[in-house]
Amino acid sequence: MLDPGNWETIDKKLVDFLVEKGLVRVDNIIFPRDDKNDCFSSYHYFRKLRNFEKQDKRWLVYSKTLDKVFCFRCKLFMKRESNYQLCSTGFNDWNNLSGRLASHENCGVHHRCMYDWLELELRLRKEKTIDKRIQEQINKERKHYKEVLERMKDGVLFLAKNGLAFRGDNEKVYTKNNGNFLSFIETLGKYDPVLKYHLESIEKNEMRTHYLSHKIQNELISMLADATRKIIVKKIHEAKYFSVILDSRIEEYYLGFLRVEDKTGEGLFFELEDALINLGLNIDDIRVQGYDNGANMKGKHKGVQARLLEINPRAFYTPCACRSLNLILSDMANLTIWYRLLFAVNTVSKSLQSKDMDIGVAIQQMKGLIEFFKDFRVNGFQKAMDEAKEIARAMGTEPTFREVRKTRTTEPTSGEEFFRKNYFLYIVDSAMSSFRTRFEQFQMYEEIFGFLYDLNKLKYMSEDELMSACVPLEAYLKHGRSSDIDGRELCMELIVMRIVLPSSCSKPIDVLQFLLRMGGCYPNAWIAYRILLTIPVTVASAERSFSKLKLIFSYLRSTMSQEKTSRIIYVSN
């Protein structure tokens, strides 16, 4: 209704509504380019005065539906057909727009419409329009519909929150199989006088505009989604630093599915870049990026992580820890997978997917798993053999190995020893090699941030050791002339902070909450811990959201001739 491109008929109700509402512009959009590669720009909204001040052109509005601009006021108050495109069909000759706007705001037609607008606006404020009684009736209807829409909004929130379908086989109230939304309205109407009157008027055909159609439902869903997205983006702006996950945890929010035509590293990066621009997020504020282990994502030269690092070297790349564990299992056990190994890896994998997991705990978990494999290499074979022999005897099978024959190059050896050397040790050593390869990034995080998340280490470090850790951290968080922290100041802050830090603080998140309560006494430490806690451990939450995507794809398969590939964008701040 606020877009001039949707004004098919301009009647008195519409004019009164828009004058009271005032001009509303669409924010945070990318204006499309025409065949000449020109597009509208928001700088046209302002007029530069001779004293270099800027004055807002409160009459100029962009139509997203038509990709044209209009004079908002002339469009409403022109008394007859006009040759001025700004007043009628809209103007989109972007190369000549500045001159056209300058001539329009000085023409007599524009001034007359401006006067009519201001006069009606003043009368509406004083409630002294010519048709006062009609205006009172309009205000009464407006109040009624506002109350109705508030109840419908609650219905939309209820269904969306619980993941329920909205519509049924028809769109009529008090009919069978009319869906959850209309059933909710009917039930609420039994007890709510506003909805009761509204539904009775619909049944008696006393009301043509009932606002219960699927279009209104979709519009409410879209408006609530936009409002939610704005709240999330506002939180990200307040936090400043954030990480992105394509396919973790102080706070994590789902922002949307992206339709992807080009699944190469370049194509996915451009999709991510456009998404961040549309959300109004600064790509330079990314401190971590987390993806799956696909070549198009993790590629060192052409992957998404490499392309983002070219623009923002402080956006550390974190491969999904859980996915890496799965790949290690695949690397080490192509014949048989052993229960003990599966159990150990599965336990750590589940732990890494918990919502309160941070990079410090994740590194400790991985170290523990590596120690388990080291011990298993030494002692695991005999334990496994003892268990296997017991199982064999219970099944009535003789637990013996077939002897290995002597060859020209080998000495005779027992079957058990041959199996230990050529199978058992091979699998465990393969796993250890995979650990070293796949968790190099975690080792780098330990070198950079280890002194921050290991609070016991932080407490007992000498001043020289602490300085030798803080100064390199400044270098890692520096890009050009911009640096997130001052290493030397961070060192001084940590020396004082570790003395006054409460004994109840045992994790980095506890330290961050302490710093928040201190109200800016330790600014460099505040920034460093925010960045540390932005690092995601896995992309598990993004993968879980993909499980819901099957509900969407089930519908799309029946309505689209060709399936599209989607990726999910998450932010963690």
Protein backbone atom coordinates (compact mmCIF):
# COMPACT_ATOMS: atom_id res chain seq x y z
CA MET A 1 0.00 0.00 0.00
CA LEU A 2 2.92 2.37 0.63
CA ASP A 3 4.42 1.66 -2.82
CA PRO A 4 3.09 4.02 -5.56
CA GLY A 5 3.39 1.16 -8.04
CA ASN A 6 0.47 -0.56 -6.25
CA TRP A 7 -1.96 2.38 -6.38
CA GLU A 8 -4.45 1.18 -8.97
CA THR A 9 -7.25 3.50 -7.77
CA ILE A 10 -6.55 6.62 -5.72
CA ASP A 11 -9.67 7.35 -3.65
CA LYS A 12 -10.27 9.57 -0.64
CA LYS A 13 -9.62 6.78 1.89
CA LEU A 14 -6.24 6.05 0.37
CA VAL A 15 -5.30 9.73 0.26
CA ASP A 16 -6.29 10.29 3.90
CA PHE A 17 -4.41 7.18 5.00
CA LEU A 18 -1.22 8.10 3.15
CA VAL A 19 -1.29 11.72 4.31
CA GLU A 20 -1.62 10.58 7.92
CA LYS A 21 1.00 7.87 7.49
CA GLY A 22 3.45 10.09 5.65
CA LEU A 23 6.17 9.06 3.23
CA VAL A 24 7.77 5.70 3.97
CA ARG A 25 10.83 4.58 2.01
CA VAL A 26 12.21 1.07 1.56
CA ASP A 27 15.55 0.67 3.34
CA ASN A 28 18.46 -1.73 2.80
CA ILE A 29 17.84 -2.73 -0.82
CA ILE A 30 20.10 -3.00 -3.84
CA PHE A 31 18.64 -0.96 -6.68
CA PRO A 32 18.54 -2.97 -9.94
CA ARG A 33 20.53 -1.81 -12.96
CA ASP A 34 18.99 -1.20 -16.38
CA ASP A 35 20.38 -2.24 -19.78
CA LYS A 36 22.69 0.81 -19.67
CA ASN A 37 24.10 -0.36 -16.33
CA ASP A 38 22.50 2.65 -14.58
CA CYS A 39 20.37 2.51 -11.43
CA PHE A 40 18.64 4.74 -8.90
CA SER A 41 20.73 5.93 -5.96
CA SER A 42 19.56 7.06 -2.53
CA TYR A 43 21.61 10.27 -2.82
CA HIS A 44 18.79 11.61 -5.04
CA TYR A 45 16.65 11.78 -1.89
CA PHE A 46 18.60 14.84 -0.79
CA ARG A 47 18.99 18.36 -2.20
CA LYS A 48 22.31 20.09 -1.67
CA LEU A 49 21.89 23.71 -0.54
CA ARG A 50 24.31 26.52 -1.25
CA ASN A 51 25.66 26.43 2.30
CA PHE A 52 26.49 22.73 1.68
CA GLU A 53 23.71 21.48 3.96
CA LYS A 54 21.51 18.61 2.78
CA GLN A 55 17.73 18.90 2.64
CA ASP A 56 15.57 15.78 2.41
CA LYS A 57 13.19 15.70 -0.56
CA ARG A 58 10.24 14.47 1.46
CA TRP A 59 8.20 14.14 -1.72
CA LEU A 60 10.43 11.69 -3.63
CA VAL A 61 9.79 7.97 -3.29
CA TYR A 62 11.11 4.87 -5.07
CA SER A 63 8.73 2.14 -6.23
CA LYS A 64 10.27 -1.28 -5.75
CA THR A 65 7.56 -2.98 -7.81
CA LEU A 66 8.10 -0.77 -10.90
CA ASP A 67 11.76 0.30 -10.44
CA LYS A 68 10.67 3.93 -10.91
CA VAL A 69 10.52 7.09 -8.82
CA PHE A 70 7.45 9.25 -8.17
CA CYS A 71 6.59 12.56 -6.62
CA PHE A 72 4.65 11.11 -3.69
CA ARG A 73 2.44 14.18 -3.26
CA CYS A 74 1.78 15.01 -6.90
CA LYS A 75 0.79 11.38 -7.52
CA LEU A 76 -1.98 11.76 -4.91
CA PHE A 77 -3.20 15.30 -5.57
CA MET A 78 -3.03 15.76 -9.35
CA LYS A 79 -6.55 16.82 -10.38
CA ARG A 80 -6.24 15.58 -13.98
CA GLU A 81 -4.04 13.53 -16.27
CA SER A 82 -0.53 14.90 -16.47
CA ASN A 83 2.39 14.62 -18.85
CA TYR A 84 4.77 14.74 -15.88
CA GLN A 85 6.02 11.19 -15.45
CA LEU A 86 6.90 11.85 -11.82
CA CYS A 87 3.21 12.55 -11.20
CA SER A 88 1.70 9.73 -13.23
CA THR A 89 3.52 6.68 -14.64
CA GLY A 90 6.87 7.15 -12.87
CA PHE A 91 10.35 8.11 -14.08
CA ASN A 92 13.35 5.78 -14.57
CA ASP A 93 15.77 7.59 -16.90
CA TRP A 94 18.47 7.47 -14.24
CA ASN A 95 21.09 9.29 -16.30
CA ASN A 96 18.84 12.38 -16.53
CA LEU A 97 17.16 12.08 -13.14
CA SER A 98 18.99 14.93 -11.39
CA GLY A 99 17.89 17.50 -14.00
CA ARG A 100 14.30 16.22 -14.02
CA LEU A 101 14.03 16.42 -10.22
CA ALA A 102 15.43 19.95 -10.18
CA SER A 103 12.91 21.16 -12.77
CA HIS A 104 10.00 19.36 -11.09
CA GLU A 105 10.46 20.83 -7.62
CA ASN A 106 10.35 24.34 -9.12
CA CYS A 107 7.21 23.87 -11.27
CA GLY A 108 3.78 25.25 -10.37
CA VAL A 109 2.05 21.85 -10.43
CA HIS A 110 4.36 20.57 -7.72
CA HIS A 111 3.80 23.62 -5.51
CA ARG A 112 -0.02 23.34 -5.78
CA CYS A 113 0.06 19.66 -4.82
CA MET A 114 2.39 20.43 -1.94
CA TYR A 115 -0.09 23.05 -0.69
CA ASP A 116 -3.03 20.59 -0.94
CA TRP A 117 -1.01 17.99 0.96
CA LEU A 118 -0.10 20.36 3.79
CA GLU A 119 -3.67 21.69 4.06
CA LEU A 120 -5.18 18.19 4.35
CA GLU A 121 -2.47 17.13 6.78
CA LEU A 122 -3.31 20.10 9.02
CA ARG A 123 -7.06 19.40 8.87
CA LEU A 124 -6.56 15.74 9.73
CA ARG A 125 -4.47 16.68 12.74
CA LYS A 126 -7.23 18.99 13.97
CA GLU A 127 -9.97 16.55 12.85
CA LYS A 128 -11.64 19.36 10.89
CA THR A 129 -12.03 17.87 7.46
CA ILE A 130 -14.97 18.90 5.28
CA ASP A 131 -16.70 15.53 5.87
CA LYS A 132 -16.17 15.35 9.61
CA ARG A 133 -18.77 12.68 10.24
CA ILE A 134 -17.37 10.55 7.47
CA GLN A 135 -13.91 11.05 8.93
CA GLU A 136 -15.15 9.91 12.34
CA GLN A 137 -16.58 6.78 10.75
CA ILE A 138 -13.28 6.18 8.95
CA ASN A 139 -11.40 6.51 12.24
CA LYS A 140 -13.80 4.05 13.86
CA GLU A 141 -13.27 1.55 11.06
CA ARG A 142 -9.53 2.10 11.22
CA LYS A 143 -9.52 1.31 14.94
CA HIS A 144 -11.58 -1.83 14.36
CA TYR A 145 -9.33 -3.14 11.61
CA LYS A 146 -6.24 -2.35 13.64
CA GLU A 147 -7.57 -4.48 16.50
CA VAL A 148 -8.49 -7.27 14.07
CA LEU A 149 -5.02 -7.24 12.52
CA GLU A 150 -3.40 -7.39 15.96
CA ARG A 151 -5.29 -10.61 16.67
CA MET A 152 -4.38 -12.00 13.27
CA LYS A 153 -0.75 -11.17 13.96
CA ASP A 154 -0.93 -13.22 17.16
CA GLY A 155 -2.43 -16.09 15.17
CA VAL A 156 0.43 -15.95 12.66
CA LEU A 157 3.00 -15.89 15.49
CA PHE A 158 1.35 -18.89 17.19
CA LEU A 159 1.33 -21.04 14.03
CA ALA A 160 4.83 -20.00 12.94
CA LYS A 161 6.32 -20.59 16.40
CA ASN A 162 4.91 -24.12 16.48
CA GLY A 163 5.76 -24.94 12.85
CA LEU A 164 2.10 -25.53 11.86
CA ALA A 165 0.53 -25.21 8.43
CA PHE A 166 -1.65 -22.16 7.84
CA ARG A 167 -4.18 -23.07 5.14
CA GLY A 168 -6.54 -25.91 4.35
CA ASP A 169 -8.75 -26.82 1.39
CA ASN A 170 -10.67 -23.51 1.31
CA GLU A 171 -10.51 -19.95 2.63
CA LYS A 172 -14.00 -19.50 4.10
CA VAL A 173 -14.71 -19.19 7.80
CA TYR A 174 -16.99 -21.73 9.47
CA THR A 175 -16.43 -24.35 6.78
CA LYS A 176 -14.84 -27.77 7.02
CA ASN A 177 -11.07 -28.14 6.43
CA ASN A 178 -10.41 -24.40 6.20
CA GLY A 179 -6.99 -24.69 7.86
CA ASN A 180 -5.34 -23.83 11.16
CA PHE A 181 -5.30 -20.06 10.71
CA LEU A 182 -9.05 -19.64 10.10
CA SER A 183 -9.81 -22.24 12.79
CA PHE A 184 -7.71 -20.19 15.24
CA ILE A 185 -9.65 -17.02 14.32
CA GLU A 186 -12.99 -18.85 14.68
CA THR A 187 -12.06 -20.21 18.12
CA LEU A 188 -10.79 -16.85 19.34
CA GLY A 189 -13.99 -15.23 18.00
CA LYS A 190 -16.08 -17.19 20.52
CA TYR A 191 -14.55 -15.22 23.39
CA ASP A 192 -13.24 -12.01 21.83
CA PRO A 193 -15.88 -9.32 21.07
CA VAL A 194 -13.81 -7.66 18.32
CA LEU A 195 -13.41 -10.86 16.29
CA LYS A 196 -16.95 -11.96 17.08
CA TYR A 197 -18.35 -8.78 15.54
CA HIS A 198 -15.94 -9.07 12.61
CA LEU A 199 -16.91 -12.67 11.80
CA GLU A 200 -20.64 -11.99 12.20
CA SER A 201 -20.37 -9.07 9.77
CA ILE A 202 -18.65 -11.33 7.24
CA GLU A 203 -21.39 -13.98 7.55
CA LYS A 204 -24.09 -11.35 7.01
CA ASN A 205 -22.23 -9.95 3.97
CA GLU A 206 -22.05 -6.58 5.73
CA MET A 207 -18.28 -6.42 5.27
CA ARG A 208 -16.40 -6.83 2.00
CA THR A 209 -12.92 -6.30 3.40
CA HIS A 210 -12.30 -9.12 5.88
CA TYR A 211 -8.47 -9.45 5.80
CA LEU A 212 -8.58 -13.25 6.12
CA SER A 213 -7.30 -14.23 2.67
CA HIS A 214 -4.06 -16.07 1.99
CA LYS A 215 -2.55 -12.85 0.61
CA ILE A 216 -3.00 -11.08 3.95
CA GLN A 217 -1.59 -14.11 5.77
CA ASN A 218 1.49 -14.06 3.53
CA GLU A 219 1.89 -10.32 4.02
CA LEU A 220 1.73 -10.69 7.81
CA ILE A 221 4.27 -13.53 7.69
CA SER A 222 6.58 -11.40 5.54
CA MET A 223 6.24 -8.35 7.80
CA LEU A 224 6.96 -10.38 10.94
CA ALA A 225 9.95 -12.01 9.24
CA ASP A 226 11.31 -8.58 8.24
CA ALA A 227 10.82 -7.26 11.77
CA THR A 228 12.61 -10.30 13.23
CA ARG A 229 15.46 -9.92 10.73
CA LYS A 230 15.86 -6.23 11.65
CA ILE A 231 16.07 -7.12 15.36
CA ILE A 232 18.75 -9.73 14.62
CA VAL A 233 20.77 -7.36 12.42
CA LYS A 234 20.50 -4.66 15.11
CA LYS A 235 21.98 -7.09 17.65
CA ILE A 236 24.81 -7.89 15.26
CA HIS A 237 25.56 -4.18 14.76
CA GLU A 238 25.62 -3.71 18.55
CA ALA A 239 28.00 -6.68 18.95
CA LYS A 240 30.12 -5.45 15.97
CA TYR A 241 32.10 -8.69 15.47
CA PHE A 242 30.41 -11.71 13.97
CA SER A 243 31.13 -14.99 12.22
CA VAL A 244 29.38 -16.49 9.19
CA ILE A 245 28.46 -20.13 8.58
CA LEU A 246 27.42 -21.33 5.15
CA ASP A 247 25.73 -24.80 4.80
CA SER A 248 29.07 -21.77 17.96
CA ARG A 249 28.33 -19.66 20.49
CA ILE A 250 27.54 -16.56 22.31
CA GLU A 251 24.39 -15.95 20.26
CA GLU A 252 23.49 -17.52 16.94
CA TYR A 253 20.67 -16.63 14.58
CA TYR A 254 19.25 -18.08 11.40
CA LEU A 255 18.93 -15.37 8.75
CA GLY A 256 17.67 -17.19 5.69
CA PHE A 257 18.13 -19.60 2.82
CA LEU A 258 20.00 -18.43 -0.28
CA ARG A 259 19.18 -19.68 -3.76
CA VAL A 260 22.46 -20.69 -5.39
CA GLU A 261 22.90 -21.02 -9.14
CA ASP A 262 26.72 -21.22 -9.17
CA LYS A 263 28.10 -23.70 -6.61
CA THR A 264 31.77 -22.93 -7.26
CA GLY A 265 33.80 -21.16 -4.60
CA GLU A 266 33.51 -17.90 -6.53
CA GLY A 267 29.75 -18.21 -6.98
CA LEU A 268 29.13 -19.02 -3.31
CA PHE A 269 31.35 -16.14 -2.18
CA PHE A 270 29.44 -13.64 -4.33
CA GLU A 271 26.15 -14.94 -2.88
CA LEU A 272 27.52 -14.44 0.63
CA GLU A 273 28.80 -10.96 -0.21
CA ASP A 274 25.43 -9.88 -1.66
CA ALA A 275 23.57 -11.31 1.36
CA LEU A 276 25.73 -9.32 3.78
CA ILE A 277 25.19 -6.13 1.76
CA ASN A 278 21.42 -6.67 1.76
CA LEU A 279 21.47 -7.16 5.53
CA GLY A 280 23.55 -4.02 6.01
CA LEU A 281 26.43 -5.94 7.61
CA ASN A 282 30.07 -4.92 7.22
CA ILE A 283 32.22 -7.71 5.77
CA ASP A 284 35.25 -6.21 7.58
CA ASP A 285 33.62 -7.06 10.95
CA ILE A 286 33.70 -10.80 10.25
CA ARG A 287 36.24 -12.48 12.51
CA VAL A 288 35.45 -16.15 11.80
CA GLN A 289 34.00 -18.17 8.92
CA GLY A 290 32.84 -21.77 9.33
CA TYR A 291 31.87 -24.17 6.53
CA ASP A 292 31.81 -27.84 5.70
CA ASN A 293 34.86 -29.61 4.27
CA GLY A 294 33.92 -29.35 0.58
CA ALA A 295 36.63 -28.19 -1.81
CA ASN A 296 34.52 -25.22 -2.96
CA MET A 297 34.34 -24.05 0.66
CA LYS A 298 37.76 -24.87 2.18
CA GLY A 299 39.92 -24.62 -0.99
CA LYS A 300 43.18 -22.80 -0.19
CA HIS A 301 43.17 -20.81 -3.45
CA LYS A 302 39.65 -20.66 -4.91
CA GLY A 303 37.45 -21.71 -1.98
CA VAL A 304 35.02 -19.36 -0.23
CA GLN A 305 37.30 -19.07 2.80
CA ALA A 306 40.29 -18.05 0.66
CA ARG A 307 38.31 -15.40 -1.24
CA LEU A 308 36.99 -13.91 2.00
CA LEU A 309 40.48 -13.87 3.50
CA GLU A 310 41.71 -11.86 0.50
CA ILE A 311 39.28 -9.09 1.48
CA ASN A 312 39.38 -9.54 5.25
CA PRO A 313 42.50 -11.36 6.60
CA ARG A 314 41.03 -11.32 10.12
CA ALA A 315 38.15 -13.65 9.14
CA PHE A 316 39.73 -16.86 10.50
CA TYR A 317 38.53 -20.03 8.79
CA THR A 318 37.20 -22.86 10.99
CA PRO A 319 36.43 -26.22 9.33
CA CYS A 320 33.51 -28.04 10.92
CA ALA A 321 34.94 -30.16 13.75
CA CYS A 322 32.16 -32.74 13.63
CA ARG A 323 32.47 -33.17 9.86
CA SER A 324 36.23 -33.58 10.29
CA LEU A 325 35.70 -36.33 12.86
CA ASN A 326 33.41 -38.15 10.45
CA LEU A 327 36.04 -37.93 7.71
CA ILE A 328 38.69 -39.26 10.09
CA LEU A 329 36.52 -42.29 10.76
CA SER A 330 36.24 -42.78 7.02
CA ASP A 331 40.00 -42.45 6.61
CA MET A 332 40.90 -44.94 9.32
CA ALA A 333 38.34 -47.73 8.92
CA ASN A 334 37.34 -48.70 5.34
CA LEU A 335 36.95 -52.45 6.27
CA THR A 336 35.55 -52.63 9.67
CA ILE A 337 34.76 -49.89 12.23
CA TRP A 338 35.59 -50.81 15.82
CA TYR A 339 33.18 -50.16 18.63
CA ARG A 340 35.72 -48.54 20.94
CA LEU A 341 36.85 -46.05 18.31
CA LEU A 342 33.31 -45.24 17.25
CA PHE A 343 32.19 -44.76 20.82
CA ALA A 344 35.07 -42.38 21.66
CA VAL A 345 34.66 -40.28 18.51
CA ASN A 346 30.87 -40.21 18.82
CA THR A 347 31.08 -38.98 22.42
CA VAL A 348 33.31 -36.07 21.46
CA SER A 349 31.24 -35.30 18.35
CA LYS A 350 28.04 -34.96 20.40
CA SER A 351 29.82 -32.77 22.91
CA LEU A 352 31.09 -30.44 20.17
CA GLN A 353 27.52 -29.90 18.95
CA SER A 354 26.26 -28.54 22.27
CA LYS A 355 24.99 -24.95 22.25
CA ASP A 356 27.39 -23.68 24.93
CA MET A 357 30.52 -25.10 23.29
CA ASP A 358 33.42 -22.68 22.80
CA ILE A 359 36.76 -23.07 21.03
CA GLY A 360 38.73 -23.56 24.27
CA VAL A 361 36.63 -26.51 25.43
CA ALA A 362 36.65 -27.92 21.90
CA ILE A 363 40.44 -27.92 21.78
CA GLN A 364 40.59 -29.69 25.16
CA GLN A 365 38.13 -32.29 23.86
CA MET A 366 40.25 -32.87 20.77
CA LYS A 367 43.41 -33.20 22.85
CA GLY A 368 41.68 -35.77 25.03
CA LEU A 369 40.61 -37.72 21.93
CA ILE A 370 44.17 -37.68 20.57
CA GLU A 371 45.47 -38.96 23.93
CA PHE A 372 42.86 -41.72 23.77
CA PHE A 373 44.17 -42.80 20.36
CA LYS A 374 47.77 -42.74 21.60
CA ASP A 375 46.87 -44.97 24.53
CA PHE A 376 44.72 -47.15 22.30
CA ARG A 377 47.68 -47.68 19.97
CA VAL A 378 49.72 -49.09 22.86
CA ASN A 379 47.12 -50.96 24.91
CA GLY A 380 44.03 -51.18 22.74
CA PHE A 381 45.00 -54.18 20.63
CA GLN A 382 45.28 -56.63 23.52
CA LYS A 383 42.01 -55.43 25.06
CA ALA A 384 40.25 -55.78 21.72
CA MET A 385 41.72 -59.27 21.24
CA ASP A 386 40.55 -60.41 24.68
CA GLU A 387 37.02 -59.19 23.98
CA ALA A 388 37.00 -60.76 20.51
CA LYS A 389 38.13 -64.10 21.93
CA GLU A 390 35.33 -64.07 24.50
CA ILE A 391 32.77 -63.35 21.80
CA ALA A 392 34.21 -66.12 19.60
CA ARG A 393 34.06 -68.68 22.42
CA ALA A 394 30.47 -67.70 23.24
CA MET A 395 29.61 -68.37 19.58
CA GLY A 396 31.36 -71.73 19.62
CA THR A 397 34.24 -70.60 17.40
CA GLU A 398 37.90 -71.30 18.08
CA PRO A 399 39.64 -67.88 18.64
CA THR A 400 42.79 -68.46 16.63
CA PHE A 401 44.52 -66.68 13.75
CA ARG A 402 45.65 -68.45 10.64
CA GLU A 403 49.44 -68.53 10.43
CA VAL A 404 51.10 -66.34 7.80
CA ARG A 405 53.34 -68.19 5.36
CA LYS A 406 57.00 -67.30 4.96
CA THR A 407 57.93 -65.44 1.75
CA ARG A 408 61.28 -64.60 0.18
CA THR A 409 61.34 -61.19 1.84
CA THR A 410 59.65 -61.89 5.18
CA GLU A 411 60.25 -64.10 8.18
CA PRO A 412 57.48 -66.37 9.44
CA THR A 413 55.17 -64.60 11.90
CA SER A 414 52.02 -65.40 13.81
CA GLY A 415 48.69 -64.41 12.32
CA GLU A 416 47.91 -62.30 15.36
CA GLU A 417 51.13 -60.29 15.07
CA PHE A 418 50.64 -59.87 11.34
CA PHE A 419 47.13 -58.54 11.98
CA ARG A 420 48.39 -56.12 14.66
CA LYS A 421 51.12 -54.63 12.47
CA ASN A 422 49.40 -54.55 9.10
CA TYR A 423 45.84 -53.76 10.14
CA PHE A 424 45.45 -52.46 13.68
CA LEU A 425 48.48 -50.12 13.72
CA TYR A 426 47.75 -49.01 10.16
CA ILE A 427 44.24 -47.89 11.11
CA VAL A 428 45.29 -46.08 14.29
CA ASP A 429 48.26 -44.38 12.61
CA SER A 430 45.98 -43.32 9.75
CA ALA A 431 43.62 -41.78 12.29
CA MET A 432 46.46 -39.92 14.01
CA SER A 433 47.65 -38.57 10.67
CA SER A 434 44.13 -37.38 9.85
CA PHE A 435 43.90 -35.64 13.22
CA ARG A 436 47.06 -33.68 12.53
CA THR A 437 45.87 -32.69 9.05
CA ARG A 438 42.25 -31.84 9.76
CA PHE A 439 42.74 -29.93 12.99
CA GLU A 440 45.62 -27.67 12.01
CA GLN A 441 43.31 -24.65 12.36
CA PHE A 442 42.46 -25.59 15.95
CA GLN A 443 46.16 -25.73 16.75
CA MET A 444 46.54 -22.25 15.27
CA TYR A 445 43.70 -20.98 17.47
CA GLU A 446 45.46 -22.43 20.50
CA GLU A 447 48.66 -20.59 19.58
CA ILE A 448 46.80 -17.29 19.07
CA PHE A 449 44.08 -17.35 21.73
CA GLY A 450 45.24 -20.10 24.11
CA PHE A 451 46.30 -17.74 26.89
CA LEU A 452 42.80 -16.18 26.91
CA TYR A 453 40.63 -19.29 27.21
CA ASP A 454 42.99 -21.21 29.51
CA LEU A 455 42.35 -19.16 32.66
CA ASN A 456 44.73 -21.20 34.81
CA LYS A 457 47.52 -20.49 32.33
CA LEU A 458 46.56 -16.80 32.23
CA LYS A 459 46.71 -16.56 36.01
CA TYR A 460 50.30 -17.81 36.33
CA MET A 461 51.94 -16.32 33.20
CA SER A 462 54.79 -13.92 33.84
CA GLU A 463 54.52 -10.38 32.49
CA ASP A 464 57.06 -11.15 29.76
CA GLU A 465 55.16 -14.29 28.72
CA LEU A 466 51.90 -12.38 28.68
CA MET A 467 53.38 -9.58 26.59
CA SER A 468 54.81 -12.11 24.12
CA ALA A 469 51.28 -13.49 23.67
CA CYS A 470 49.41 -10.14 23.47
CA VAL A 471 51.64 -8.44 20.89
CA PRO A 472 51.27 -11.25 18.28
CA LEU A 473 47.50 -11.23 18.90
CA GLU A 474 47.46 -7.56 17.90
CA ALA A 475 49.23 -8.51 14.66
CA TYR A 476 46.71 -11.27 13.90
CA LEU A 477 43.83 -8.82 14.42
CA LYS A 478 45.35 -6.13 12.23
CA HIS A 479 44.48 -5.28 8.62
CA GLY A 480 46.21 -2.33 7.02
CA ARG A 481 46.03 0.57 9.44
CA SER A 482 43.08 -0.90 11.28
CA SER A 483 43.67 -3.00 14.42
CA ASP A 484 41.08 -4.39 16.81
CA ILE A 485 43.30 -4.16 19.90
CA ASP A 486 46.52 -2.66 21.25
CA GLY A 487 48.67 -5.61 22.39
CA ARG A 488 50.63 -3.73 25.04
CA GLU A 489 47.49 -2.18 26.54
CA LEU A 490 45.84 -5.63 26.51
CA CYS A 491 48.78 -7.02 28.48
CA MET A 492 48.46 -4.30 31.14
CA GLU A 493 44.70 -4.86 31.38
CA LEU A 494 45.07 -8.63 31.79
CA ILE A 495 47.67 -8.21 34.56
CA VAL A 496 45.14 -6.20 36.57
CA MET A 497 42.08 -8.20 35.48
CA ARG A 498 43.41 -11.58 36.57
CA ILE A 499 43.87 -10.22 40.09
CA VAL A 500 40.29 -8.96 40.47
CA LEU A 501 38.65 -11.72 38.42
CA PRO A 502 36.18 -13.61 40.67
CA SER A 503 37.05 -17.23 41.43
CA SER A 504 33.66 -18.24 40.00
CA CYS A 505 34.90 -17.32 36.51
CA SER A 506 36.00 -20.62 35.02
CA LYS A 507 35.22 -20.17 31.32
CA PRO A 508 35.76 -17.41 28.72
CA ILE A 509 32.03 -16.63 28.69
CA ASP A 510 32.26 -15.94 32.45
CA VAL A 511 35.12 -13.54 31.81
CA LEU A 512 33.10 -11.74 29.13
CA GLN A 513 30.17 -11.30 31.52
CA PHE A 514 32.56 -9.97 34.16
CA LEU A 515 34.01 -7.46 31.68
CA LEU A 516 30.49 -6.38 30.75
CA ARG A 517 29.71 -5.65 34.39
CA MET A 518 32.91 -3.62 34.70
CA GLY A 519 31.57 -1.11 32.20
CA GLY A 520 34.54 -0.44 29.91
CA CYS A 521 37.40 -0.67 32.41
CA TYR A 522 39.21 -3.20 30.21
CA PRO A 523 38.42 -2.18 26.60
CA ASN A 524 41.07 -4.30 24.85
CA ALA A 525 40.20 -7.40 26.87
CA TRP A 526 36.52 -6.79 26.12
CA ILE A 527 37.23 -6.82 22.38
CA ALA A 528 39.60 -9.81 22.53
CA TYR A 529 37.14 -12.02 24.41
CA ARG A 530 34.26 -11.04 22.13
CA ILE A 531 36.30 -12.14 19.11
CA LEU A 532 37.41 -15.34 20.85
CA LEU A 533 33.83 -16.32 21.66
CA THR A 534 32.69 -15.57 18.12
CA ILE A 535 34.67 -18.56 16.78
CA PRO A 536 32.23 -21.37 15.84
CA VAL A 537 33.26 -24.96 16.57
CA THR A 538 30.92 -26.73 14.12
CA VAL A 539 28.26 -25.98 11.52
CA ALA A 540 25.93 -28.45 13.24
CA SER A 541 23.18 -25.92 13.88
CA ALA A 542 23.16 -24.92 10.22
CA GLU A 543 22.97 -28.59 9.25
CA ARG A 544 20.03 -29.08 11.61
CA SER A 545 18.20 -26.24 9.91
CA PHE A 546 18.71 -28.01 6.59
CA SER A 547 16.61 -30.88 7.97
CA LYS A 548 13.66 -28.47 7.88
CA LEU A 549 14.44 -27.64 4.27
CA LYS A 550 12.90 -30.94 3.19
CA LEU A 551 9.49 -29.50 4.12
CA ILE A 552 10.07 -26.65 1.67
CA PHE A 553 11.52 -28.86 -1.05
CA SER A 554 8.52 -31.20 -0.83
CA TYR A 555 6.38 -28.27 -1.85
CA LEU A 556 8.81 -26.88 -4.41
CA ARG A 557 9.09 -30.19 -6.23
CA SER A 558 5.37 -30.02 -7.05
CA THR A 559 5.43 -26.37 -8.13
CA MET A 560 8.77 -25.91 -9.90
CA SER A 561 10.00 -27.45 -13.12
CA GLN A 562 13.61 -27.48 -11.91
CA GLU A 563 14.97 -27.78 -8.39
CA LYS A 564 17.24 -25.06 -7.13
CA THR A 565 20.12 -25.57 -4.73
CA SER A 566 20.06 -23.56 -1.52
CA ARG A 567 22.63 -22.73 1.12
CA ILE A 568 21.94 -21.42 4.54
CA ILE A 569 23.50 -18.31 6.02
CA TYR A 570 24.05 -18.08 9.76
CA VAL A 571 25.68 -15.38 11.81
CA SER A 572 27.17 -15.74 15.26
CA ASN A 573 27.92 -12.68 17.35
